[in-house]
PDB file of N, CA and C in Angstrom:
ATOM      1  N   MET A   1     -76.265  -7.338 117.913  1.00  0.00           N
ATOM      2  CA  MET A   1     -77.338  -6.347 118.085  1.00  0.00           C
ATOM      3  C   MET A   1     -77.010  -5.113 116.972  1.00  0.00           C
ATOM      4  N   PHE A   2     -75.680  -4.895 116.644  1.00  0.00           N
ATOM      5  CA  PHE A   2     -75.368  -3.956 115.664  1.00  0.00           C
ATOM      6  C   PHE A   2     -76.230  -4.358 114.224  1.00  0.00           C
ATOM      7  N   GLU A   3     -76.252  -5.651 114.010  1.00  0.00           N
ATOM      8  CA  GLU A   3     -76.732  -6.176 112.624  1.00  0.00           C
ATOM      9  C   GLU A   3     -78.243  -5.802 112.470  1.00  0.00           C
ATOM     10  N   GLN A   4     -78.898  -5.662 113.621  1.00  0.00           N
ATOM     11  CA  GLN A   4     -80.464  -5.321 113.634  1.00  0.00           C
ATOM     12  C   GLN A   4     -80.636  -3.813 113.089  1.00  0.00           C
ATOM     13  N   PHE A   5     -79.679  -2.954 113.454  1.00  0.00           N
ATOM     14  CA  PHE A   5     -79.707  -1.521 113.150  1.00  0.00           C
ATOM     15  C   PHE A   5     -79.099  -1.170 111.780  1.00  0.00           C
ATOM     16  N   LYS A   6     -78.216  -2.027 111.384  1.00  0.00           N
ATOM     17  CA  LYS A   6     -77.311  -1.524 110.240  1.00  0.00           C
ATOM     18  C   LYS A   6     -78.202  -1.216 109.013  1.00  0.00           C
ATOM     19  N   GLY A   7     -79.231  -1.802 108.623  1.00  0.00           N
ATOM     20  CA  GLY A   7     -79.988  -1.640 107.649  1.00  0.00           C
ATOM     21  C   GLY A   7     -80.926  -0.037 107.658  1.00  0.00           C
ATOM     22  N   LEU A   8     -80.929   0.276 108.919  1.00  0.00           N
ATOM     23  CA  LEU A   8     -81.661   1.442 109.092  1.00  0.00           C
ATOM     24  C   LEU A   8     -80.978   2.840 108.596  1.00  0.00           C
ATOM     25  N   PHE A   9     -79.549   2.579 108.705  1.00  0.00           N
ATOM     26  CA  PHE A   9     -78.636   3.763 108.364  1.00  0.00           C
ATOM     27  C   PHE A   9     -78.087   3.633 107.031  1.00  0.00           C
ATOM     28  N   SER A  10     -78.434   2.782 106.374  1.00  0.00           N
ATOM     29  CA  SER A  10     -77.746   2.485 104.963  1.00  0.00           C
ATOM     30  C   SER A  10     -78.519   2.626 103.825  1.00  0.00           C
ATOM     31  N   ASN A  11     -78.207   2.836 102.741  1.00  0.00           N
ATOM     32  CA  ASN A  11     -79.127   3.007 101.741  1.00  0.00           C
ATOM     33  C   ASN A  11     -78.444   1.878 100.582  1.00  0.00           C
ATOM     34  N   ASP A  12     -79.074   0.769 100.455  1.00  0.00           N
ATOM     35  CA  ASP A  12     -78.460  -0.269  99.571  1.00  0.00           C
ATOM     36  C   ASP A  12     -79.068  -0.147  98.124  1.00  0.00           C
ATOM     37  N   ILE A  13     -78.077   0.073  97.462  1.00  0.00           N
ATOM     38  CA  ILE A  13     -78.503   0.245  95.778  1.00  0.00           C
ATOM     39  C   ILE A  13     -77.787  -0.676  95.038  1.00  0.00           C
ATOM     40  N   GLY A  14     -78.494  -0.929  93.811  1.00  0.00           N
ATOM     41  CA  GLY A  14     -77.908  -1.604  92.830  1.00  0.00           C
ATOM     42  C   GLY A  14     -77.912  -0.845  91.576  1.00  0.00           C
ATOM     43  N   ILE A  15     -76.962  -1.146  90.757  1.00  0.00           N
ATOM     44  CA  ILE A  15     -76.895  -0.389  89.248  1.00  0.00           C
ATOM     45  C   ILE A  15     -76.574  -1.150  88.272  1.00  0.00           C
ATOM     46  N   ASP A  16     -77.544  -1.372  87.318  1.00  0.00           N
ATOM     47  CA  ASP A  16     -77.364  -2.314  86.254  1.00  0.00           C
ATOM     48  C   ASP A  16     -77.023  -1.408  85.059  1.00  0.00           C
ATOM     49  N   LEU A  17     -75.890  -1.401  84.598  1.00  0.00           N
ATOM     50  CA  LEU A  17     -75.511  -0.785  83.372  1.00  0.00           C
ATOM     51  C   LEU A  17     -75.568  -1.589  82.159  1.00  0.00           C
ATOM     52  N   GLY A  18     -76.717  -1.534  81.530  1.00  0.00           N
ATOM     53  CA  GLY A  18     -77.125  -2.389  80.408  1.00  0.00           C
ATOM     54  C   GLY A  18     -76.814  -1.722  79.205  1.00  0.00           C
ATOM     55  N   THR A  19     -76.680  -2.504  78.066  1.00  0.00           N
ATOM     56  CA  THR A  19     -76.459  -1.833  76.786  1.00  0.00           C
ATOM     57  C   THR A  19     -77.352  -1.018  76.284  1.00  0.00           C
ATOM     58  N   ALA A  20     -78.645  -1.353  76.459  1.00  0.00           N
ATOM     59  CA  ALA A  20     -79.894  -0.529  76.077  1.00  0.00           C
ATOM     60  C   ALA A  20     -80.249   0.497  77.142  1.00  0.00           C
ATOM     61  N   ASN A  21     -80.361  -0.003  78.390  1.00  0.00           N
ATOM     62  CA  ASN A  21     -80.793   0.747  79.437  1.00  0.00           C
ATOM     63  C   ASN A  21     -79.991   0.793  80.704  1.00  0.00           C
ATOM     64  N   SER A  22     -79.974   1.619  81.614  1.00  0.00           N
ATOM     65  CA  SER A  22     -79.404   1.518  82.722  1.00  0.00           C
ATOM     66  C   SER A  22     -80.507   1.649  83.744  1.00  0.00           C
ATOM     67  N   LEU A  23     -80.250   0.836  85.048  1.00  0.00           N
ATOM     68  CA  LEU A  23     -81.176   0.895  86.027  1.00  0.00           C
ATOM     69  C   LEU A  23     -80.753   1.077  87.282  1.00  0.00           C
ATOM     70  N   VAL A  24     -81.359   1.784  88.221  1.00  0.00           N
ATOM     71  CA  VAL A  24     -81.107   2.020  89.567  1.00  0.00           C
ATOM     72  C   VAL A  24     -81.954   1.453  90.344  1.00  0.00           C
ATOM     73  N   TYR A  25     -81.663   0.600  91.427  1.00  0.00           N
ATOM     74  CA  TYR A  25     -82.594  -0.278  92.220  1.00  0.00           C
ATOM     75  C   TYR A  25     -82.284   0.158  93.806  1.00  0.00           C
ATOM     76  N   VAL A  26     -83.190   0.570  94.583  1.00  0.00           N
ATOM     77  CA  VAL A  26     -82.950   0.909  95.913  1.00  0.00           C
ATOM     78  C   VAL A  26     -83.931  -0.099  96.723  1.00  0.00           C
ATOM     79  N   ARG A  27     -83.256  -0.731  97.661  1.00  0.00           N
ATOM     80  CA  ARG A  27     -83.877  -1.655  98.525  1.00  0.00           C
ATOM     81  C   ARG A  27     -85.081  -1.104  99.226  1.00  0.00           C
ATOM     82  N   ASP A  28     -86.185  -1.872  99.179  1.00  0.00           N
ATOM     83  CA  ASP A  28     -87.316  -1.514  99.695  1.00  0.00           C
ATOM     84  C   ASP A  28     -88.199  -0.330  98.987  1.00  0.00           C
ATOM     85  N   ARG A  29     -87.549   0.051  97.765  1.00  0.00           N
ATOM     86  CA  ARG A  29     -88.177   1.062  96.918  1.00  0.00           C
ATOM     87  C   ARG A  29     -88.417   0.526  95.450  1.00  0.00           C
ATOM     88  N   GLY A  30     -87.643  -0.492  95.277  1.00  0.00           N
ATOM     89  CA  GLY A  30     -87.668  -1.040  93.618  1.00  0.00           C
ATOM     90  C   GLY A  30     -86.805  -0.039  92.904  1.00  0.00           C
ATOM     91  N   ILE A  31     -87.156  -0.305  91.633  1.00  0.00           N
ATOM     92  CA  ILE A  31     -86.397   0.505  90.525  1.00  0.00           C
ATOM     93  C   ILE A  31     -86.798   2.040  90.605  1.00  0.00           C
ATOM     94  N   VAL A  32     -85.888   2.825  90.964  1.00  0.00           N
ATOM     95  CA  VAL A  32     -86.250   4.296  91.031  1.00  0.00           C
ATOM     96  C   VAL A  32     -85.646   4.992  89.804  1.00  0.00           C
ATOM     97  N   LEU A  33     -84.912   4.401  88.879  1.00  0.00           N
ATOM     98  CA  LEU A  33     -84.505   5.195  87.798  1.00  0.00           C
ATOM     99  C   LEU A  33     -84.210   4.143  86.596  1.00  0.00           C
ATOM    100  N   ARG A  34     -84.704   4.393  85.351  1.00  0.00           N
ATOM    101  CA  ARG A  34     -84.757   3.684  84.225  1.00  0.00           C
ATOM    102  C   ARG A  34     -84.508   4.430  83.002  1.00  0.00           C
ATOM    103  N   GLU A  35     -83.222   4.569  82.513  1.00  0.00           N
ATOM    104  CA  GLU A  35     -82.900   5.538  81.330  1.00  0.00           C
ATOM    105  C   GLU A  35     -82.218   4.834  80.296  1.00  0.00           C
ATOM    106  N   PRO A  36     -82.270   5.261  79.198  1.00  0.00           N
ATOM    107  CA  PRO A  36     -81.417   4.679  78.072  1.00  0.00           C
ATOM    108  C   PRO A  36     -79.901   4.813  78.457  1.00  0.00           C
ATOM    109  N   SER A  37     -79.239   3.933  77.956  1.00  0.00           N
ATOM    110  CA  SER A  37     -77.767   4.104  78.214  1.00  0.00           C
ATOM    111  C   SER A  37     -76.977   4.908  77.117  1.00  0.00           C
ATOM    112  N   VAL A  38     -77.344   6.140  77.083  1.00  0.00           N
ATOM    113  CA  VAL A  38     -76.975   6.945  76.024  1.00  0.00           C
ATOM    114  C   VAL A  38     -76.395   8.400  76.680  1.00  0.00           C
ATOM    115  N   VAL A  39     -75.373   8.732  76.022  1.00  0.00           N
ATOM    116  CA  VAL A  39     -74.831   9.990  76.617  1.00  0.00           C
ATOM    117  C   VAL A  39     -74.320  11.072  75.554  1.00  0.00           C
ATOM    118  N   ALA A  40     -74.742  12.167  75.634  1.00  0.00           N
ATOM    119  CA  ALA A  40     -74.387  13.157  74.703  1.00  0.00           C
ATOM    120  C   ALA A  40     -73.174  14.012  75.385  1.00  0.00           C
ATOM    121  N   ILE A  41     -72.094  14.105  74.649  1.00  0.00           N
ATOM    122  CA  ILE A  41     -70.908  14.814  75.047  1.00  0.00           C
ATOM    123  C   ILE A  41     -70.330  15.733  74.032  1.00  0.00           C
ATOM    124  N   GLN A  42     -69.642  16.651  74.414  1.00  0.00           N
ATOM    125  CA  GLN A  42     -69.016  17.823  73.739  1.00  0.00           C
ATOM    126  C   GLN A  42     -67.912  16.918  73.047  1.00  0.00           C
ATOM    127  N   ALA A  43     -67.848  17.174  71.713  1.00  0.00           N
ATOM    128  CA  ALA A  43     -66.844  16.368  70.800  1.00  0.00           C
ATOM    129  C   ALA A  43     -65.566  16.661  71.288  1.00  0.00           C
ATOM    130  N   GLY A  44     -64.698  15.545  71.432  1.00  0.00           N
ATOM    131  CA  GLY A  44     -63.240  15.492  71.880  1.00  0.00           C
ATOM    132  C   GLY A  44     -63.048  15.746  73.441  1.00  0.00           C
ATOM    133  N   THR A  45     -64.210  15.828  74.336  1.00  0.00           N
ATOM    134  CA  THR A  45     -63.927  15.811  75.628  1.00  0.00           C
ATOM    135  C   THR A  45     -64.967  14.818  76.209  1.00  0.00           C
ATOM    136  N   THR A  46     -64.953  14.827  77.719  1.00  0.00           N
ATOM    137  CA  THR A  46     -65.888  13.907  78.269  1.00  0.00           C
ATOM    138  C   THR A  46     -66.976  14.845  79.070  1.00  0.00           C
ATOM    139  N   ASN A  47     -66.953  15.954  78.566  1.00  0.00           N
ATOM    140  CA  ASN A  47     -67.966  17.051  79.146  1.00  0.00           C
ATOM    141  C   ASN A  47     -69.336  16.493  78.884  1.00  0.00           C
ATOM    142  N   VAL A  48     -70.247  16.085  79.778  1.00  0.00           N
ATOM    143  CA  VAL A  48     -71.540  15.577  79.490  1.00  0.00           C
ATOM    144  C   VAL A  48     -72.506  16.723  79.278  1.00  0.00           C
ATOM    145  N   LEU A  49     -73.265  16.663  78.140  1.00  0.00           N
ATOM    146  CA  LEU A  49     -74.374  17.583  77.887  1.00  0.00           C
ATOM    147  C   LEU A  49     -75.702  17.046  78.166  1.00  0.00           C
ATOM    148  N   ALA A  50     -75.989  15.802  77.958  1.00  0.00           N
ATOM    149  CA  ALA A  50     -77.340  15.190  78.302  1.00  0.00           C
ATOM    150  C   ALA A  50     -77.110  13.621  78.507  1.00  0.00           C
ATOM    151  N   VAL A  51     -77.908  13.048  79.345  1.00  0.00           N
ATOM    152  CA  VAL A  51     -77.900  11.508  79.683  1.00  0.00           C
ATOM    153  C   VAL A  51     -79.248  11.035  79.375  1.00  0.00           C
ATOM    154  N   GLY A  52     -79.389   9.745  79.172  1.00  0.00           N
ATOM    155  CA  GLY A  52     -80.682   9.148  79.160  1.00  0.00           C
ATOM    156  C   GLY A  52     -81.613   9.387  77.991  1.00  0.00           C
ATOM    157  N   GLU A  53     -82.840   9.801  78.230  1.00  0.00           N
ATOM    158  CA  GLU A  53     -83.746   9.790  77.449  1.00  0.00           C
ATOM    159  C   GLU A  53     -83.416  11.069  76.412  1.00  0.00           C
ATOM    160  N   GLU A  54     -83.021  12.190  77.069  1.00  0.00           N
ATOM    161  CA  GLU A  54     -82.678  13.323  76.287  1.00  0.00           C
ATOM    162  C   GLU A  54     -81.511  13.259  75.394  1.00  0.00           C
ATOM    163  N   ALA A  55     -80.477  12.392  75.787  1.00  0.00           N
ATOM    164  CA  ALA A  55     -79.348  12.181  74.913  1.00  0.00           C
ATOM    165  C   ALA A  55     -79.760  11.032  73.864  1.00  0.00           C
ATOM    166  N   LYS A  56     -80.755  10.339  74.084  1.00  0.00           N
ATOM    167  CA  LYS A  56     -81.155   9.340  73.156  1.00  0.00           C
ATOM    168  C   LYS A  56     -81.997   9.887  72.074  1.00  0.00           C
ATOM    169  N   ARG A  57     -82.785  11.014  72.287  1.00  0.00           N
ATOM    170  CA  ARG A  57     -83.185  11.737  71.335  1.00  0.00           C
ATOM    171  C   ARG A  57     -82.495  12.579  70.361  1.00  0.00           C
ATOM    172  N   MET A  58     -81.206  12.685  70.805  1.00  0.00           N
ATOM    173  CA  MET A  58     -80.274  13.415  70.105  1.00  0.00           C
ATOM    174  C   MET A  58     -79.437  12.527  68.941  1.00  0.00           C
ATOM    175  N   LEU A  59     -79.374  11.063  69.275  1.00  0.00           N
ATOM    176  CA  LEU A  59     -78.830  10.138  68.377  1.00  0.00           C
ATOM    177  C   LEU A  59     -78.968  10.560  67.010  1.00  0.00           C
ATOM    178  N   GLY A  60     -77.980  10.524  66.273  1.00  0.00           N
ATOM    179  CA  GLY A  60     -78.084  10.950  64.746  1.00  0.00           C
ATOM    180  C   GLY A  60     -78.507  12.347  64.344  1.00  0.00           C
ATOM    181  N   ARG A  61     -78.714  13.147  65.273  1.00  0.00           N
ATOM    182  CA  ARG A  61     -79.372  14.440  65.209  1.00  0.00           C
ATOM    183  C   ARG A  61     -78.615  15.538  65.669  1.00  0.00           C
ATOM    184  N   THR A  62     -77.195  15.536  65.977  1.00  0.00           N
ATOM    185  CA  THR A  62     -76.447  16.398  66.680  1.00  0.00           C
ATOM    186  C   THR A  62     -75.524  17.082  65.680  1.00  0.00           C
ATOM    187  N   PRO A  63     -75.340  18.335  66.170  1.00  0.00           N
ATOM    188  CA  PRO A  63     -74.359  19.066  65.235  1.00  0.00           C
ATOM    189  C   PRO A  63     -72.857  18.653  65.479  1.00  0.00           C
ATOM    190  N   GLY A  64     -71.930  19.158  64.694  1.00  0.00           N
ATOM    191  CA  GLY A  64     -70.530  18.533  64.698  1.00  0.00           C
ATOM    192  C   GLY A  64     -70.021  18.574  65.990  1.00  0.00           C
ATOM    193  N   ASN A  65     -70.212  19.528  66.784  1.00  0.00           N
ATOM    194  CA  ASN A  65     -69.510  19.665  68.204  1.00  0.00           C
ATOM    195  C   ASN A  65     -70.224  18.756  69.242  1.00  0.00           C
ATOM    196  N   ILE A  66     -71.130  18.083  69.002  1.00  0.00           N
ATOM    197  CA  ILE A  66     -71.775  17.305  70.034  1.00  0.00           C
ATOM    198  C   ILE A  66     -71.949  15.899  69.471  1.00  0.00           C
ATOM    199  N   VAL A  67     -71.492  14.826  70.189  1.00  0.00           N
ATOM    200  CA  VAL A  67     -71.602  13.418  69.849  1.00  0.00           C
ATOM    201  C   VAL A  67     -72.450  12.756  70.797  1.00  0.00           C
ATOM    202  N   ALA A  68     -73.515  11.958  70.396  1.00  0.00           N
ATOM    203  CA  ALA A  68     -74.412  11.219  71.348  1.00  0.00           C
ATOM    204  C   ALA A  68     -73.961   9.704  70.994  1.00  0.00           C
ATOM    205  N   ILE A  69     -73.596   9.156  72.027  1.00  0.00           N
ATOM    206  CA  ILE A  69     -72.953   7.582  72.024  1.00  0.00           C
ATOM    207  C   ILE A  69     -73.645   6.759  73.243  1.00  0.00           C
ATOM    208  N   ARG A  70     -73.438   5.487  72.840  1.00  0.00           N
ATOM    209  CA  ARG A  70     -73.774   4.503  73.786  1.00  0.00           C
ATOM    210  C   ARG A  70     -72.493   3.912  74.237  1.00  0.00           C
ATOM    211  N   PRO A  71     -72.010   4.361  75.421  1.00  0.00           N
ATOM    212  CA  PRO A  71     -70.988   3.832  76.083  1.00  0.00           C
ATOM    213  C   PRO A  71     -70.661   2.364  76.437  1.00  0.00           C
ATOM    214  N   MET A  72     -71.812   1.548  76.393  1.00  0.00           N
ATOM    215  CA  MET A  72     -71.819   0.230  76.624  1.00  0.00           C
ATOM    216  C   MET A  72     -71.880  -0.511  75.320  1.00  0.00           C
ATOM    217  N   LYS A  73     -71.178  -1.510  75.000  1.00  0.00           N
ATOM    218  CA  LYS A  73     -71.360  -2.387  73.714  1.00  0.00           C
ATOM    219  C   LYS A  73     -71.173  -3.780  74.251  1.00  0.00           C
ATOM    220  N   ASP A  74     -72.204  -4.533  73.701  1.00  0.00           N
ATOM    221  CA  ASP A  74     -72.287  -6.077  73.744  1.00  0.00           C
ATOM    222  C   ASP A  74     -72.065  -6.451  75.391  1.00  0.00           C
ATOM    223  N   GLY A  75     -72.679  -5.714  76.187  1.00  0.00           N
ATOM    224  CA  GLY A  75     -72.779  -5.966  77.566  1.00  0.00           C
ATOM    225  C   GLY A  75     -71.407  -5.559  78.412  1.00  0.00           C
ATOM    226  N   VAL A  76     -70.572  -4.761  77.800  1.00  0.00           N
ATOM    227  CA  VAL A  76     -69.398  -4.422  78.478  1.00  0.00           C
ATOM    228  C   VAL A  76     -69.121  -2.779  78.476  1.00  0.00           C
ATOM    229  N   ILE A  77     -68.494  -2.396  79.215  1.00  0.00           N
ATOM    230  CA  ILE A  77     -68.039  -0.840  79.115  1.00  0.00           C
ATOM    231  C   ILE A  77     -67.006  -0.687  77.976  1.00  0.00           C
ATOM    232  N   ALA A  78     -67.476  -0.047  77.015  1.00  0.00           N
ATOM    233  CA  ALA A  78     -66.748   0.230  75.858  1.00  0.00           C
ATOM    234  C   ALA A  78     -65.927   1.631  75.824  1.00  0.00           C
ATOM    235  N   ASP A  79     -66.439   2.526  76.872  1.00  0.00           N
ATOM    236  CA  ASP A  79     -65.790   3.871  77.060  1.00  0.00           C
ATOM    237  C   ASP A  79     -65.905   4.139  78.464  1.00  0.00           C
ATOM    238  N   PHE A  80     -64.887   3.746  79.114  1.00  0.00           N
ATOM    239  CA  PHE A  80     -64.957   3.856  80.616  1.00  0.00           C
ATOM    240  C   PHE A  80     -65.111   5.395  81.092  1.00  0.00           C
ATOM    241  N   GLU A  81     -64.295   6.181  80.410  1.00  0.00           N
ATOM    242  CA  GLU A  81     -64.451   7.758  80.977  1.00  0.00           C
ATOM    243  C   GLU A  81     -65.919   8.370  80.779  1.00  0.00           C
ATOM    244  N   VAL A  82     -66.625   7.937  79.471  1.00  0.00           N
ATOM    245  CA  VAL A  82     -67.947   8.419  79.436  1.00  0.00           C
ATOM    246  C   VAL A  82     -68.890   7.719  80.255  1.00  0.00           C
ATOM    247  N   THR A  83     -68.770   6.559  80.606  1.00  0.00           N
ATOM    248  CA  THR A  83     -69.657   5.724  81.549  1.00  0.00           C
ATOM    249  C   THR A  83     -69.488   6.257  82.819  1.00  0.00           C
ATOM    250  N   GLU A  84     -68.208   6.512  83.326  1.00  0.00           N
ATOM    251  CA  GLU A  84     -67.915   7.330  84.580  1.00  0.00           C
ATOM    252  C   GLU A  84     -68.656   8.606  84.693  1.00  0.00           C
ATOM    253  N   SER A  85     -68.568   9.337  83.514  1.00  0.00           N
ATOM    254  CA  SER A  85     -69.229  10.701  83.571  1.00  0.00           C
ATOM    255  C   SER A  85     -70.711  10.560  83.613  1.00  0.00           C
ATOM    256  N   MET A  86     -71.300   9.505  82.930  1.00  0.00           N
ATOM    257  CA  MET A  86     -72.775   9.196  82.917  1.00  0.00           C
ATOM    258  C   MET A  86     -73.209   9.156  84.328  1.00  0.00           C
ATOM    259  N   LEU A  87     -72.509   8.316  85.096  1.00  0.00           N
ATOM    260  CA  LEU A  87     -73.009   8.006  86.474  1.00  0.00           C
ATOM    261  C   LEU A  87     -72.988   9.130  87.323  1.00  0.00           C
ATOM    262  N   ARG A  88     -72.003  10.109  87.108  1.00  0.00           N
ATOM    263  CA  ARG A  88     -72.133  11.194  88.198  1.00  0.00           C
ATOM    264  C   ARG A  88     -73.408  11.995  87.934  1.00  0.00           C
TER     265      ARG A  88
END
């Protein structure tokens, strides 16, 4: 009996951390978020200033105190701390 109601009270999601794009899928709603896998951080920290499309626009155009990076390389997490910050 419990199995019949379990799906009513849970939000099943899937997260695809791709090298180019990250996706969030929610059951019964499909893909709800598709953003570039790019993070802009304050240099020397993991302080996130921008994520996704906004951070992608900053690639190659940031002042010295801001770094725009792709934390995923060749399909694996290259910078765990920045990837964790991106997900928050």
